[in-house]
């Protein structure tokens, strides 16, 4: 990692508590019912989302939560809006997977260059959290740390 003393920031999404892990076995972005994405990669994905659909990208950014730990971190959307957001995230994952990589090589700002399929896996992980909110009828949560 360039900038060895730099602390990494994360975008976190938490599915409503249901006791069951989101996926079976190890996953690079999912721990139990929580998704942890490197914040700089989440920002790249949000930039890509804005090129796809600025309005839905804005909704996704709002659902990503705030940096302020005192802010409400619940993603409270009506089911119909949440379904639209899930579909957008899943469609975006499919598109990102078939496109050239968003990062070519590590930089000071982005210390690791992931291929397109890994960025798609990040998006699909977020989609799993949002789908769980739909399934359970309870809000997911998200924040930056």
Protein backbone atom coordinates (compact mmCIF):
# COMPACT_ATOMS: atom_id res chain seq x y z
CA UNK A 1 0.00 0.00 0.00
CA UNK A 2 1.36 3.41 -0.88
CA UNK A 3 1.34 5.89 2.00
CA UNK A 4 2.15 3.18 4.57
CA UNK A 5 0.86 5.09 7.59
CA UNK A 6 -2.48 5.92 5.96
CA UNK A 7 -5.56 4.48 7.67
CA UNK A 8 -8.02 3.00 5.21
CA UNK A 9 -11.59 4.29 5.16
CA UNK A 10 -14.55 2.02 4.50
CA UNK A 11 -18.08 2.16 3.19
CA UNK A 12 -20.16 -0.15 5.35
CA UNK A 13 -23.59 -1.62 4.64
CA UNK A 14 -25.36 -3.73 7.26
CA UNK A 15 -28.30 -5.97 6.44
CA UNK A 16 -31.15 -6.13 8.96
CA UNK A 17 -30.30 -8.63 11.67
CA UNK A 18 -31.69 -12.04 10.80
CA UNK A 19 -29.12 -14.37 12.33
CA UNK A 20 -28.08 -15.93 9.00
CA UNK A 21 -24.94 -14.79 7.13
CA UNK A 22 -25.53 -13.14 3.75
CA UNK A 23 -23.35 -15.75 2.02
CA UNK A 24 -21.93 -19.14 2.85
CA UNK A 25 -18.19 -19.38 3.21
CA UNK A 26 -15.53 -16.71 2.92
CA UNK A 27 -16.18 -13.60 0.86
CA UNK A 28 -13.77 -10.68 0.37
CA UNK A 29 -16.38 -7.98 1.04
CA UNK A 30 -18.91 -9.65 3.33
CA UNK A 31 -18.55 -10.51 7.00
CA UNK A 32 -21.70 -12.16 8.36
CA UNK A 33 -24.43 -9.62 7.43
CA UNK A 34 -22.11 -6.67 6.89
CA UNK A 35 -20.45 -5.46 3.68
CA UNK A 36 -17.15 -3.58 3.95
CA UNK A 37 -15.89 -1.82 0.81
CA UNK A 38 -12.77 0.32 0.52
CA UNK A 39 -14.21 3.84 0.42
CA UNK A 40 -12.11 4.93 -2.56
CA UNK A 41 -13.52 2.03 -4.59
CA UNK A 42 -17.06 2.80 -3.48
CA UNK A 43 -16.49 6.37 -4.70
CA UNK A 44 -15.29 5.01 -8.07
CA UNK A 45 -18.43 2.91 -8.30
CA UNK A 46 -20.61 5.89 -7.43
CA UNK A 47 -18.89 7.90 -10.17
CA UNK A 48 -19.63 5.08 -12.61
CA UNK A 49 -23.24 4.97 -11.38
CA UNK A 50 -23.63 8.71 -12.12
CA UNK A 51 -22.66 8.07 -15.74
CA UNK A 52 -25.31 5.33 -15.93
CA UNK A 53 -28.21 7.19 -14.31
CA UNK A 54 -27.60 10.41 -12.34
CA UNK A 55 -30.95 10.27 -10.52
CA UNK A 56 -30.57 6.69 -9.31
CA UNK A 57 -26.90 7.30 -8.54
CA UNK A 58 -27.97 10.18 -6.31
CA UNK A 59 -30.41 7.87 -4.48
CA UNK A 60 -27.63 5.32 -4.06
CA UNK A 61 -25.31 8.01 -2.68
CA UNK A 62 -27.99 9.05 -0.17
CA UNK A 63 -28.42 5.41 0.83
CA UNK A 64 -24.67 5.19 1.43
CA UNK A 65 -25.01 7.09 4.69
CA UNK A 66 -23.10 9.88 6.29
CA UNK A 67 -19.63 10.30 7.75
CA UNK A 68 -21.18 11.82 10.90
CA UNK A 69 -21.55 8.96 13.41
CA UNK A 70 -24.45 10.80 15.07
CA UNK A 71 -26.43 10.79 11.81
CA UNK A 72 -29.19 8.24 11.31
CA UNK A 73 -27.64 5.39 9.34
CA UNK A 74 -30.88 3.60 8.43
CA UNK A 75 -31.76 3.19 4.76
CA UNK A 76 -35.48 3.78 5.05
CA UNK A 77 -37.11 3.67 1.64
CA UNK A 78 -40.56 2.51 0.58
CA UNK A 79 -40.38 -1.02 -0.87
CA UNK A 80 -41.04 0.17 -4.43
CA UNK A 81 -38.12 2.64 -4.27
CA UNK A 82 -35.88 0.03 -2.69
CA UNK A 83 -36.74 -2.42 -5.48
CA UNK A 84 -35.74 0.19 -8.07
CA UNK A 85 -32.46 0.79 -6.25
CA UNK A 86 -31.72 -2.94 -6.02
CA UNK A 87 -32.40 -3.36 -9.75
CA UNK A 88 -30.12 -0.40 -10.50
CA UNK A 89 -27.27 -1.83 -8.40
CA UNK A 90 -27.63 -5.27 -9.98
CA UNK A 91 -27.79 -3.88 -13.53
CA UNK A 92 -24.81 -1.66 -12.81
CA UNK A 93 -22.87 -4.70 -11.55
CA UNK A 94 -23.58 -6.53 -14.83
CA UNK A 95 -22.44 -3.54 -16.87
CA UNK A 96 -19.29 -2.91 -14.81
CA UNK A 97 -18.34 -6.57 -15.11
CA UNK A 98 -18.38 -6.38 -18.92
CA UNK A 99 -16.48 -3.08 -19.18
CA UNK A 100 -12.79 -2.21 -18.94
CA UNK A 101 -11.39 -2.03 -15.41
CA UNK A 102 -12.17 1.14 -13.44
CA UNK A 103 -8.60 1.12 -12.11
CA UNK A 104 -5.54 0.27 -14.17
CA UNK A 105 -2.86 0.39 -11.50
CA UNK A 106 -2.48 1.42 -7.85
CA UNK A 107 -2.12 5.13 -7.08
CA UNK A 108 -1.71 7.17 -3.90
CA UNK A 109 -5.49 7.73 -3.86
CA UNK A 110 -6.43 4.17 -4.87
CA UNK A 111 -3.82 1.81 -3.40
CA UNK A 112 -5.13 -1.32 -5.12
CA UNK A 113 -6.36 -1.84 -8.66
CA UNK A 114 -9.23 -4.30 -8.79
CA UNK A 115 -10.49 -5.81 -12.04
CA UNK A 116 -14.02 -5.18 -13.27
CA UNK A 117 -15.35 -8.47 -11.95
CA UNK A 118 -14.25 -7.52 -8.43
CA UNK A 119 -15.98 -4.15 -8.66
CA UNK A 120 -19.09 -6.00 -9.87
CA UNK A 121 -18.80 -8.31 -6.85
CA UNK A 122 -18.68 -5.23 -4.59
CA UNK A 123 -21.90 -3.94 -6.15
CA UNK A 124 -23.59 -7.33 -5.87
CA UNK A 125 -22.65 -7.40 -2.17
CA UNK A 126 -24.45 -4.10 -1.67
CA UNK A 127 -27.38 -5.52 -3.62
CA UNK A 128 -27.57 -8.46 -1.19
CA UNK A 129 -27.90 -6.06 1.75
CA UNK A 130 -30.62 -4.06 0.03
CA UNK A 131 -32.45 -7.27 -0.96
CA UNK A 132 -32.42 -8.37 2.67
CA UNK A 133 -34.05 -5.08 3.64
CA UNK A 134 -36.78 -5.86 1.11
CA UNK A 135 -37.15 -9.44 2.30
CA UNK A 136 -37.35 -8.61 6.00
CA UNK A 137 -39.26 -5.34 5.69
CA UNK A 138 -36.69 -3.74 7.99
CA UNK A 139 -34.17 -1.07 7.03
CA UNK A 140 -30.58 -1.84 6.19
CA UNK A 141 -27.96 0.55 7.53
CA UNK A 142 -24.97 2.23 5.94
CA UNK A 143 -22.18 4.56 6.98
CA UNK A 144 -18.58 5.50 6.30
CA UNK A 145 -15.80 4.77 8.76
